[in-house]
Amino acid sequence: MEKVKAKHKILAPKISKGLEELVFDNNHIQDNDSFCDGVITDCIIENQRAQHVSFDQIIFKNVVFKNVDFRVMELTDVRFENCDLSNGDLSAAVIHRVEVINCKILGLNLSEATLRNVLFDDCNGRYISFRFSDCKQVNFNNCLLHNGDFQKSNFSKMSFLDSNLEQVEFSGTKLKGIDLTSCEIDGIGARIEDLNGVIVSLLQAASLSKLMGVIVKV
């Protein structure tokens, strides 16, 4: 089978070269704090709770976010590399030109978030939540999204490539024009009207027929 390619190009983060390393000693982060133009590496950011925190032109490398609640966060021109954001609360975040590369994002809460030009590449995102999110030009490449929640989200120019979408819930989210042929989709949840125009293989179509109560005899 010909390898599926993303249909929609996304904008990469605009990050200046030669950024200085920021010493992040895990001081208490407060509401409306802003961090910009730097690299944050090899540290643990834990037990933090703040709203409207912003990061602009920041590279995170080998950073663990533990027990963090950063609701309504703003991320612009940011790259996460080999980070662990599992179980963090980034609900209602505004995320623009961001790359998440080889990261653990298990159970990450991105419900009601707004995402524009975002790449998730080679990430473990089981149980991730995008419920009620607004996603435009977002690519998932080689990601594990088993048991994820995309219910009642708005998709525009979305791509899922070589990703595991087993048991993912899409109810209330229109999948028209999205190519899932390179993905595992067993057990996904969706309404019949949500599947109108989705692109799947013959084998996947047989699996989806269960959602319509159709029994396929071989």
Protein backbone atom coordinates (compact mmCIF):
# COMPACT_ATOMS: atom_id res chain seq x y z
CA MET A 1 0.00 0.00 0.00
CA GLU A 2 1.25 3.49 -0.88
CA LYS A 3 2.30 5.44 2.18
CA VAL A 4 -0.27 8.03 3.20
CA LYS A 5 1.03 11.57 3.42
CA ALA A 6 -0.40 14.51 5.33
CA LYS A 7 -2.71 16.48 3.04
CA HIS A 8 -2.22 19.76 4.83
CA LYS A 9 1.04 21.56 5.47
CA ILE A 10 1.45 23.06 8.90
CA LEU A 11 3.63 25.98 9.92
CA ALA A 12 6.71 25.10 11.99
CA PRO A 13 7.54 27.04 15.16
CA LYS A 14 9.37 30.31 14.52
CA ILE A 15 12.28 29.85 16.92
CA SER A 16 15.43 31.96 16.77
CA LYS A 17 18.82 30.26 16.60
CA GLY A 18 21.24 30.49 19.49
CA LEU A 19 18.69 30.76 22.27
CA GLU A 20 20.22 30.92 25.74
CA GLU A 21 19.44 28.26 28.30
CA LEU A 22 16.97 29.38 30.94
CA VAL A 23 17.68 28.31 34.50
CA PHE A 24 14.35 27.01 35.67
CA ASP A 25 14.61 26.25 39.38
CA ASN A 26 10.93 25.40 39.75
CA ASN A 27 10.02 28.55 41.64
CA HIS A 28 6.33 29.05 42.10
CA ILE A 29 4.71 29.98 38.78
CA GLN A 30 2.00 32.58 39.17
CA ASP A 31 -0.99 33.60 37.07
CA ASN A 32 -0.08 35.59 33.94
CA ASP A 33 3.65 34.77 34.15
CA SER A 34 5.44 34.91 30.80
CA PHE A 35 8.57 33.07 29.59
CA CYS A 36 10.22 33.69 26.24
CA ASP A 37 13.31 33.22 24.08
CA GLY A 38 15.13 30.34 25.69
CA VAL A 39 15.82 26.63 26.11
CA ILE A 40 14.68 24.75 29.21
CA THR A 41 16.38 21.37 29.65
CA ASP A 42 16.72 18.39 31.99
CA CYS A 43 14.48 19.53 34.81
CA ILE A 44 11.23 18.73 36.60
CA ILE A 45 8.42 21.27 36.76
CA GLU A 46 6.11 19.99 39.46
CA ASN A 47 3.25 20.90 41.75
CA GLN A 48 2.45 24.07 39.83
CA ARG A 49 -0.97 25.64 39.42
CA ALA A 50 -1.48 28.87 37.50
CA GLN A 51 -3.68 30.31 34.77
CA HIS A 52 -2.85 32.39 31.69
CA VAL A 53 0.85 31.43 31.78
CA SER A 54 2.53 32.00 28.41
CA PHE A 55 5.58 30.50 26.71
CA ASP A 56 6.87 32.13 23.51
CA GLN A 57 9.87 30.89 21.48
CA ILE A 58 10.77 28.22 24.01
CA ILE A 59 12.37 24.79 23.49
CA PHE A 60 11.73 22.21 26.20
CA LYS A 61 14.16 19.26 26.19
CA ASN A 62 13.93 16.29 28.57
CA VAL A 63 11.55 18.18 30.87
CA VAL A 64 9.07 16.38 33.13
CA PHE A 65 5.86 18.19 33.99
CA LYS A 66 4.52 16.57 37.14
CA ASN A 67 1.22 17.47 38.79
CA VAL A 68 0.78 20.70 36.83
CA ASP A 69 -2.40 22.68 36.23
CA PHE A 70 -1.83 25.35 33.59
CA ARG A 71 -5.33 26.09 32.39
CA VAL A 72 -5.76 28.75 29.71
CA MET A 73 -2.03 28.52 28.92
CA GLU A 74 -0.67 30.17 25.77
CA LEU A 75 2.01 28.36 23.77
CA THR A 76 3.40 30.12 20.69
CA ASP A 77 6.43 28.94 18.69
CA VAL A 78 7.30 26.19 21.15
CA ARG A 79 8.95 22.78 20.73
CA PHE A 80 8.78 19.90 23.23
CA GLU A 81 11.44 17.22 22.74
CA ASN A 82 11.55 14.02 24.82
CA CYS A 83 9.33 15.55 27.48
CA ASP A 84 6.71 14.05 29.80
CA LEU A 85 3.47 16.01 30.10
CA SER A 86 1.38 13.09 31.29
CA ASN A 87 -1.79 13.89 33.23
CA GLY A 88 -1.20 17.63 33.05
CA ASP A 89 -4.16 19.98 32.81
CA LEU A 90 -3.81 22.35 29.85
CA SER A 91 -7.54 22.74 29.30
CA ALA A 92 -8.62 25.80 27.32
CA ALA A 93 -5.01 26.34 26.19
CA VAL A 94 -4.24 28.38 23.07
CA ILE A 95 -1.52 26.57 21.10
CA HIS A 96 -0.01 27.95 17.89
CA ARG A 97 2.99 26.73 15.87
CA VAL A 98 4.00 24.03 18.35
CA GLU A 99 5.82 20.71 17.88
CA VAL A 100 5.55 17.85 20.37
CA ILE A 101 8.26 15.32 19.47
CA ASN A 102 8.82 11.90 21.09
CA CYS A 103 6.92 12.88 24.22
CA LYS A 104 4.75 11.14 26.80
CA ILE A 105 1.37 12.84 26.86
CA LEU A 106 -0.68 10.12 28.54
CA GLY A 107 -3.90 11.46 30.01
CA LEU A 108 -3.02 15.04 29.07
CA ASN A 109 -6.09 17.26 29.32
CA LEU A 110 -6.44 19.53 26.27
CA SER A 111 -10.20 19.81 26.45
CA GLU A 112 -11.60 23.10 25.10
CA ALA A 113 -8.14 23.96 23.75
CA THR A 114 -7.54 25.89 20.52
CA LEU A 115 -4.80 24.40 18.35
CA ARG A 116 -3.38 25.89 15.15
CA ASN A 117 -0.40 24.46 13.24
CA VAL A 118 0.50 21.79 15.77
CA LEU A 119 2.52 18.60 15.17
CA PHE A 120 2.45 15.55 17.44
CA ASP A 121 5.16 13.16 16.27
CA ASP A 122 6.01 9.76 17.79
CA CYS A 123 4.11 10.47 21.01
CA ASN A 124 2.42 8.20 23.56
CA GLY A 125 -0.94 9.85 24.15
CA ARG A 126 -3.15 7.12 25.57
CA TYR A 127 -6.20 8.51 27.34
CA ILE A 128 -5.50 12.03 26.09
CA SER A 129 -8.49 14.36 26.03
CA PHE A 130 -9.29 16.83 23.26
CA ARG A 131 -12.98 17.03 24.12
CA PHE A 132 -14.62 20.25 22.84
CA SER A 133 -11.29 21.32 21.29
CA ASP A 134 -10.93 23.44 18.15
CA CYS A 135 -8.22 21.92 15.93
CA LYS A 136 -7.05 23.40 12.64
CA GLN A 137 -3.96 22.20 10.77
CA VAL A 138 -2.98 19.60 13.36
CA ASN A 139 -0.97 16.49 12.44
CA PHE A 140 -0.58 13.28 14.45
CA ASN A 141 2.27 11.14 13.11
CA ASN A 142 3.05 7.70 14.53
CA CYS A 143 1.19 8.42 17.77
CA LEU A 144 -0.45 6.08 20.24
CA LEU A 145 -3.85 7.61 21.04
CA HIS A 146 -5.57 4.50 22.35
CA ASN A 147 -8.66 5.39 24.46
CA GLY A 148 -8.33 9.07 23.62
CA ASP A 149 -11.30 11.45 23.69
CA PHE A 150 -12.04 13.78 20.77
CA GLN A 151 -15.74 14.12 21.45
CA LYS A 152 -17.57 17.19 20.12
CA SER A 153 -14.41 18.71 18.70
CA ASN A 154 -14.08 20.87 15.62
CA PHE A 155 -11.65 19.50 13.01
CA SER A 156 -10.28 21.41 10.04
CA LYS A 157 -7.31 20.24 7.95
CA MET A 158 -6.49 17.41 10.35
CA SER A 159 -4.21 14.43 9.65
CA PHE A 160 -3.76 11.12 11.46
CA LEU A 161 -0.86 9.11 10.01
CA ASP A 162 0.35 5.67 11.15
CA SER A 163 -1.33 6.19 14.51
CA ASN A 164 -3.22 3.93 16.88
CA LEU A 165 -6.78 5.20 17.30
CA GLU A 166 -8.22 2.08 18.87
CA GLN A 167 -11.08 2.79 21.27
CA VAL A 168 -10.84 6.53 20.55
CA GLU A 169 -14.11 8.42 21.00
CA PHE A 170 -15.08 10.75 18.15
CA SER A 171 -18.80 11.12 18.88
CA GLY A 172 -20.05 14.54 17.83
CA THR A 173 -16.94 15.27 15.74
CA LYS A 174 -17.19 15.45 11.96
CA LEU A 175 -14.55 13.26 10.27
CA LYS A 176 -15.31 14.25 6.68
CA GLY A 177 -12.21 14.23 4.48
CA ILE A 178 -9.92 12.71 7.11
CA ASP A 179 -7.83 9.77 5.84
CA LEU A 180 -7.56 7.02 8.45
CA THR A 181 -6.27 4.29 6.13
CA SER A 182 -2.82 4.16 7.76
CA CYS A 183 -4.23 3.97 11.30
CA GLU A 184 -5.57 1.30 13.64
CA ILE A 185 -9.21 2.19 14.30
CA ASP A 186 -10.74 -0.88 15.95
CA GLY A 187 -13.40 0.03 18.46
CA ILE A 188 -13.58 3.73 17.72
CA GLY A 189 -16.73 5.49 18.86
CA ALA A 190 -18.64 7.71 16.45
CA ARG A 191 -22.14 8.46 15.28
CA ILE A 192 -23.15 7.47 11.76
CA GLU A 193 -23.38 11.12 10.73
CA ASP A 194 -19.86 11.76 12.09
CA LEU A 195 -18.44 9.20 9.63
CA ASN A 196 -19.89 10.85 6.54
CA GLY A 197 -16.99 11.41 4.13
CA VAL A 198 -14.26 9.76 6.25
CA ILE A 199 -11.62 7.92 4.19
CA VAL A 200 -10.99 4.30 5.21
CA SER A 201 -9.82 1.02 3.70
CA LEU A 202 -12.15 -1.85 2.80
CA LEU A 203 -11.12 -3.74 5.92
CA GLN A 204 -11.72 -0.67 8.09
CA ALA A 205 -15.10 -0.13 6.46
CA ALA A 206 -16.11 -3.63 7.54
CA SER A 207 -15.09 -2.77 11.10
CA LEU A 208 -17.02 0.51 11.04
CA SER A 209 -20.12 -1.28 9.79
CA LYS A 210 -20.64 -2.48 13.36
CA LEU A 211 -21.49 1.09 14.31
CA MET A 212 -24.37 0.94 11.84
CA GLY A 213 -25.60 -2.45 13.00
CA VAL A 214 -24.54 -4.06 9.72
CA ILE A 215 -23.34 -7.65 9.78
CA VAL A 216 -20.73 -8.39 7.09
CA LYS A 217 -20.51 -12.02 5.99
CA VAL A 218 -17.25 -13.25 4.52
